[in-house]
């Protein structure tokens, strides 16, 4: 994967998750939206934890 100077892969993925969460906020009721955002945060954290372990 090529990198863009000043922008890490983690930044790009984080922005992607933020866009998904914002998209859900527009179509899903507030209570359900919070569950989706929480789930995306957990998935994001687990993926980066696994990536860090693999790279170690």
PDB file of N, CA and C in Angstrom:
ATOM      1  N   UNK A   1       0.833  -1.172   0.000  1.00  0.00           N
ATOM      2  CA  UNK A   1       0.000   0.000   0.000  1.00  0.00           C
ATOM      3  C   UNK A   1       0.882   1.241   0.000  1.00  0.00           C
ATOM      4  N   UNK A   2       0.594   2.175  -0.851  1.00  0.00           N
ATOM      5  CA  UNK A   2       1.367   3.410  -0.893  1.00  0.00           C
ATOM      6  C   UNK A   2       0.892   4.347   0.209  1.00  0.00           C
ATOM      7  N   UNK A   3       1.819   5.142   0.729  1.00  0.00           N
ATOM      8  CA  UNK A   3       1.428   6.098   1.760  1.00  0.00           C
ATOM      9  C   UNK A   3       1.433   7.508   1.191  1.00  0.00           C
ATOM     10  N   UNK A   4       0.630   8.333   1.788  1.00  0.00           N
ATOM     11  CA  UNK A   4       0.571   9.741   1.412  1.00  0.00           C
ATOM     12  C   UNK A   4       1.341  10.504   2.480  1.00  0.00           C
ATOM     13  N   UNK A   5       2.300  11.323   2.099  1.00  0.00           N
ATOM     14  CA  UNK A   5       3.074  12.061   3.099  1.00  0.00           C
ATOM     15  C   UNK A   5       2.166  12.835   4.057  1.00  0.00           C
ATOM     16  N   UNK A   6       2.403  12.657   5.361  1.00  0.00           N
ATOM     17  CA  UNK A   6       1.624  13.364   6.372  1.00  0.00           C
ATOM     18  C   UNK A   6       0.289  12.731   6.706  1.00  0.00           C
ATOM     19  N   UNK A   7      -0.029  11.576   6.098  1.00  0.00           N
ATOM     20  CA  UNK A   7      -1.309  10.928   6.348  1.00  0.00           C
ATOM     21  C   UNK A   7      -1.072   9.431   6.515  1.00  0.00           C
ATOM     22  N   UNK A   8      -1.279   8.927   7.710  1.00  0.00           N
ATOM     23  CA  UNK A   8      -1.046   7.506   7.963  1.00  0.00           C
ATOM     24  C   UNK A   8      -2.274   6.686   7.576  1.00  0.00           C
ATOM     25  N   UNK A   9      -2.066   5.388   7.418  1.00  0.00           N
ATOM     26  CA  UNK A   9      -3.181   4.489   7.119  1.00  0.00           C
ATOM     27  C   UNK A   9      -4.209   4.539   8.240  1.00  0.00           C
ATOM     28  N   UNK A  10      -3.738   4.673   9.474  1.00  0.00           N
ATOM     29  CA  UNK A  10      -4.656   4.741  10.613  1.00  0.00           C
ATOM     30  C   UNK A  10      -5.549   5.982  10.512  1.00  0.00           C
ATOM     31  N   UNK A  11      -4.979   7.114  10.082  1.00  0.00           N
ATOM     32  CA  UNK A  11      -5.776   8.337   9.896  1.00  0.00           C
ATOM     33  C   UNK A  11      -6.868   8.117   8.849  1.00  0.00           C
ATOM     34  N   UNK A  12      -6.488   7.491   7.757  1.00  0.00           N
ATOM     35  CA  UNK A  12      -7.436   7.251   6.668  1.00  0.00           C
ATOM     36  C   UNK A  12      -8.570   6.354   7.136  1.00  0.00           C
ATOM     37  N   UNK A  13      -8.237   5.266   7.830  1.00  0.00           N
ATOM     38  CA  UNK A  13      -9.264   4.345   8.324  1.00  0.00           C
ATOM     39  C   UNK A  13     -10.149   5.044   9.349  1.00  0.00           C
ATOM     40  N   UNK A  14      -9.524   5.825  10.231  1.00  0.00           N
ATOM     41  CA  UNK A  14     -10.302   6.559  11.229  1.00  0.00           C
ATOM     42  C   UNK A  14     -11.311   7.496  10.586  1.00  0.00           C
ATOM     43  N   UNK A  15     -10.889   8.174   9.539  1.00  0.00           N
ATOM     44  CA  UNK A  15     -11.802   9.076   8.825  1.00  0.00           C
ATOM     45  C   UNK A  15     -12.925   8.289   8.164  1.00  0.00           C
ATOM     46  N   UNK A  16     -12.595   7.100   7.664  1.00  0.00           N
ATOM     47  CA  UNK A  16     -13.624   6.251   7.057  1.00  0.00           C
ATOM     48  C   UNK A  16     -14.675   5.841   8.069  1.00  0.00           C
ATOM     49  N   UNK A  17     -14.235   5.430   9.269  1.00  0.00           N
ATOM     50  CA  UNK A  17     -15.183   5.057  10.315  1.00  0.00           C
ATOM     51  C   UNK A  17     -16.022   6.258  10.737  1.00  0.00           C
ATOM     52  N   UNK A  18     -15.412   7.433  10.772  1.00  0.00           N
ATOM     53  CA  UNK A  18     -16.150   8.648  11.141  1.00  0.00           C
ATOM     54  C   UNK A  18     -17.241   8.935  10.107  1.00  0.00           C
ATOM     55  N   UNK A  19     -16.932   8.749   8.828  1.00  0.00           N
ATOM     56  CA  UNK A  19     -17.929   8.979   7.780  1.00  0.00           C
ATOM     57  C   UNK A  19     -19.071   7.969   7.876  1.00  0.00           C
ATOM     58  N   UNK A  20     -18.740   6.715   8.186  1.00  0.00           N
ATOM     59  CA  UNK A  20     -19.780   5.693   8.352  1.00  0.00           C
ATOM     60  C   UNK A  20     -20.688   6.075   9.514  1.00  0.00           C
ATOM     61  N   UNK A  21     -20.084   6.454  10.636  1.00  0.00           N
ATOM     62  CA  UNK A  21     -20.867   6.832  11.814  1.00  0.00           C
ATOM     63  C   UNK A  21     -21.759   8.034  11.512  1.00  0.00           C
ATOM     64  N   UNK A  22     -21.229   9.012  10.803  1.00  0.00           N
ATOM     65  CA  UNK A  22     -22.027  10.192  10.454  1.00  0.00           C
ATOM     66  C   UNK A  22     -23.168   9.831   9.510  1.00  0.00           C
ATOM     67  N   UNK A  23     -22.917   8.908   8.596  1.00  0.00           N
ATOM     68  CA  UNK A  23     -23.967   8.452   7.695  1.00  0.00           C
ATOM     69  C   UNK A  23     -25.084   7.756   8.447  1.00  0.00           C
ATOM     70  N   UNK A  24     -24.723   6.898   9.396  1.00  0.00           N
ATOM     71  CA  UNK A  24     -25.721   6.219  10.222  1.00  0.00           C
ATOM     72  C   UNK A  24     -26.525   7.222  11.031  1.00  0.00           C
ATOM     73  N   UNK A  25     -25.879   8.266  11.535  1.00  0.00           N
ATOM     74  CA  UNK A  25     -26.566   9.264  12.358  1.00  0.00           C
ATOM     75  C   UNK A  25     -27.726   9.909  11.598  1.00  0.00           C
ATOM     76  N   UNK A  26     -27.621   9.972  10.290  1.00  0.00           N
ATOM     77  CA  UNK A  26     -28.662  10.608   9.486  1.00  0.00           C
ATOM     78  C   UNK A  26     -29.872   9.706   9.264  1.00  0.00           C
ATOM     79  N   UNK A  27     -29.684   8.377   9.351  1.00  0.00           N
ATOM     80  CA  UNK A  27     -30.784   7.471   9.000  1.00  0.00           C
ATOM     81  C   UNK A  27     -31.275   6.592  10.143  1.00  0.00           C
ATOM     82  N   UNK A  28     -30.568   6.548  11.251  1.00  0.00           N
ATOM     83  CA  UNK A  28     -30.916   5.642  12.345  1.00  0.00           C
ATOM     84  C   UNK A  28     -31.293   6.464  13.575  1.00  0.00           C
ATOM     85  N   UNK A  29     -32.339   6.047  14.311  1.00  0.00           N
ATOM     86  CA  UNK A  29     -32.699   6.750  15.547  1.00  0.00           C
ATOM     87  C   UNK A  29     -31.514   6.843  16.516  1.00  0.00           C
ATOM     88  N   UNK A  30     -31.528   7.852  17.370  1.00  0.00           N
ATOM     89  CA  UNK A  30     -30.396   8.166  18.243  1.00  0.00           C
ATOM     90  C   UNK A  30     -29.900   6.983  19.063  1.00  0.00           C
ATOM     91  N   UNK A  31     -30.783   6.241  19.723  1.00  0.00           N
ATOM     92  CA  UNK A  31     -30.354   5.124  20.581  1.00  0.00           C
ATOM     93  C   UNK A  31     -29.643   4.055  19.760  1.00  0.00           C
ATOM     94  N   UNK A  32     -30.206   3.692  18.630  1.00  0.00           N
ATOM     95  CA  UNK A  32     -29.573   2.689  17.777  1.00  0.00           C
ATOM     96  C   UNK A  32     -28.275   3.228  17.195  1.00  0.00           C
ATOM     97  N   UNK A  33     -28.249   4.492  16.870  1.00  0.00           N
ATOM     98  CA  UNK A  33     -27.051   5.108  16.320  1.00  0.00           C
ATOM     99  C   UNK A  33     -25.892   4.993  17.299  1.00  0.00           C
ATOM    100  N   UNK A  34     -26.144   5.219  18.582  1.00  0.00           N
ATOM    101  CA  UNK A  34     -25.080   5.128  19.578  1.00  0.00           C
ATOM    102  C   UNK A  34     -24.526   3.707  19.641  1.00  0.00           C
ATOM    103  N   UNK A  35     -25.388   2.711  19.496  1.00  0.00           N
ATOM    104  CA  UNK A  35     -24.928   1.318  19.483  1.00  0.00           C
ATOM    105  C   UNK A  35     -24.027   1.057  18.279  1.00  0.00           C
ATOM    106  N   UNK A  36     -24.396   1.582  17.127  1.00  0.00           N
ATOM    107  CA  UNK A  36     -23.590   1.399  15.916  1.00  0.00           C
ATOM    108  C   UNK A  36     -22.233   2.066  16.078  1.00  0.00           C
ATOM    109  N   UNK A  37     -22.213   3.298  16.584  1.00  0.00           N
ATOM    110  CA  UNK A  37     -20.947   4.004  16.782  1.00  0.00           C
ATOM    111  C   UNK A  37     -20.069   3.246  17.771  1.00  0.00           C
ATOM    112  N   UNK A  38     -20.667   2.734  18.846  1.00  0.00           N
ATOM    113  CA  UNK A  38     -19.903   1.961  19.830  1.00  0.00           C
ATOM    114  C   UNK A  38     -19.317   0.710  19.191  1.00  0.00           C
ATOM    115  N   UNK A  39     -20.111   0.026  18.379  1.00  0.00           N
ATOM    116  CA  UNK A  39     -19.627  -1.189  17.723  1.00  0.00           C
ATOM    117  C   UNK A  39     -18.490  -0.868  16.762  1.00  0.00           C
ATOM    118  N   UNK A  40     -18.609   0.205  16.002  1.00  0.00           N
ATOM    119  CA  UNK A  40     -17.541   0.581  15.076  1.00  0.00           C
ATOM    120  C   UNK A  40     -16.261   0.929  15.824  1.00  0.00           C
ATOM    121  N   UNK A  41     -16.393   1.580  16.973  1.00  0.00           N
ATOM    122  CA  UNK A  41     -15.222   1.929  17.775  1.00  0.00           C
ATOM    123  C   UNK A  41     -14.519   0.674  18.265  1.00  0.00           C
ATOM    124  N   UNK A  42     -15.282  -0.317  18.716  1.00  0.00           N
ATOM    125  CA  UNK A  42     -14.699  -1.572  19.196  1.00  0.00           C
ATOM    126  C   UNK A  42     -14.011  -2.300  18.056  1.00  0.00           C
ATOM    127  N   UNK A  43     -14.653  -2.382  16.902  1.00  0.00           N
ATOM    128  CA  UNK A  43     -14.056  -3.049  15.740  1.00  0.00           C
ATOM    129  C   UNK A  43     -12.762  -2.350  15.343  1.00  0.00           C
ATOM    130  N   UNK A  44     -12.785  -1.025  15.305  1.00  0.00           N
ATOM    131  CA  UNK A  44     -11.607  -0.240  14.945  1.00  0.00           C
ATOM    132  C   UNK A  44     -10.469  -0.511  15.923  1.00  0.00           C
ATOM    133  N   UNK A  45     -10.759  -0.504  17.205  1.00  0.00           N
ATOM    134  CA  UNK A  45      -9.732  -0.733  18.227  1.00  0.00           C
ATOM    135  C   UNK A  45      -9.149  -2.147  18.108  1.00  0.00           C
ATOM    136  N   UNK A  46     -10.012  -3.134  17.938  1.00  0.00           N
ATOM    137  CA  UNK A  46      -9.546  -4.526  17.837  1.00  0.00           C
ATOM    138  C   UNK A  46      -8.670  -4.726  16.608  1.00  0.00           C
ATOM    139  N   UNK A  47      -9.058  -4.120  15.498  1.00  0.00           N
ATOM    140  CA  UNK A  47      -8.283  -4.288  14.270  1.00  0.00           C
ATOM    141  C   UNK A  47      -6.890  -3.685  14.424  1.00  0.00           C
ATOM    142  N   UNK A  48      -6.796  -2.491  15.002  1.00  0.00           N
ATOM    143  CA  UNK A  48      -5.493  -1.861  15.165  1.00  0.00           C
ATOM    144  C   UNK A  48      -4.649  -2.570  16.213  1.00  0.00           C
ATOM    145  N   UNK A  49      -5.282  -3.145  17.236  1.00  0.00           N
ATOM    146  CA  UNK A  49      -4.534  -3.920  18.227  1.00  0.00           C
ATOM    147  C   UNK A  49      -3.926  -5.154  17.567  1.00  0.00           C
ATOM    148  N   UNK A  50      -4.716  -5.813  16.728  1.00  0.00           N
ATOM    149  CA  UNK A  50      -4.221  -6.999  16.030  1.00  0.00           C
ATOM    150  C   UNK A  50      -3.104  -6.625  15.059  1.00  0.00           C
ATOM    151  N   UNK A  51      -3.262  -5.517  14.359  1.00  0.00           N
ATOM    152  CA  UNK A  51      -2.229  -5.063  13.424  1.00  0.00           C
ATOM    153  C   UNK A  51      -0.933  -4.760  14.155  1.00  0.00           C
ATOM    154  N   UNK A  52      -1.034  -4.126  15.306  1.00  0.00           N
ATOM    155  CA  UNK A  52       0.164  -3.797  16.088  1.00  0.00           C
ATOM    156  C   UNK A  52       0.880  -5.066  16.537  1.00  0.00           C
ATOM    157  N   UNK A  53       0.110  -6.089  16.930  1.00  0.00           N
ATOM    158  CA  UNK A  53       0.721  -7.355  17.353  1.00  0.00           C
ATOM    159  C   UNK A  53       1.411  -8.047  16.184  1.00  0.00           C
ATOM    160  N   UNK A  54       0.801  -7.994  15.022  1.00  0.00           N
ATOM    161  CA  UNK A  54       1.385  -8.638  13.843  1.00  0.00           C
ATOM    162  C   UNK A  54       2.685  -7.941  13.449  1.00  0.00           C
ATOM    163  N   UNK A  55       2.714  -6.613  13.539  1.00  0.00           N
ATOM    164  CA  UNK A  55       3.889  -5.860  13.130  1.00  0.00           C
ATOM    165  C   UNK A  55       5.018  -5.941  14.147  1.00  0.00           C
ATOM    166  N   UNK A  56       4.716  -6.372  15.378  1.00  0.00           N
ATOM    167  CA  UNK A  56       5.758  -6.447  16.424  1.00  0.00           C
ATOM    168  C   UNK A  56       6.707  -7.591  16.184  1.00  0.00           C
TER     169      UNK A  56
END
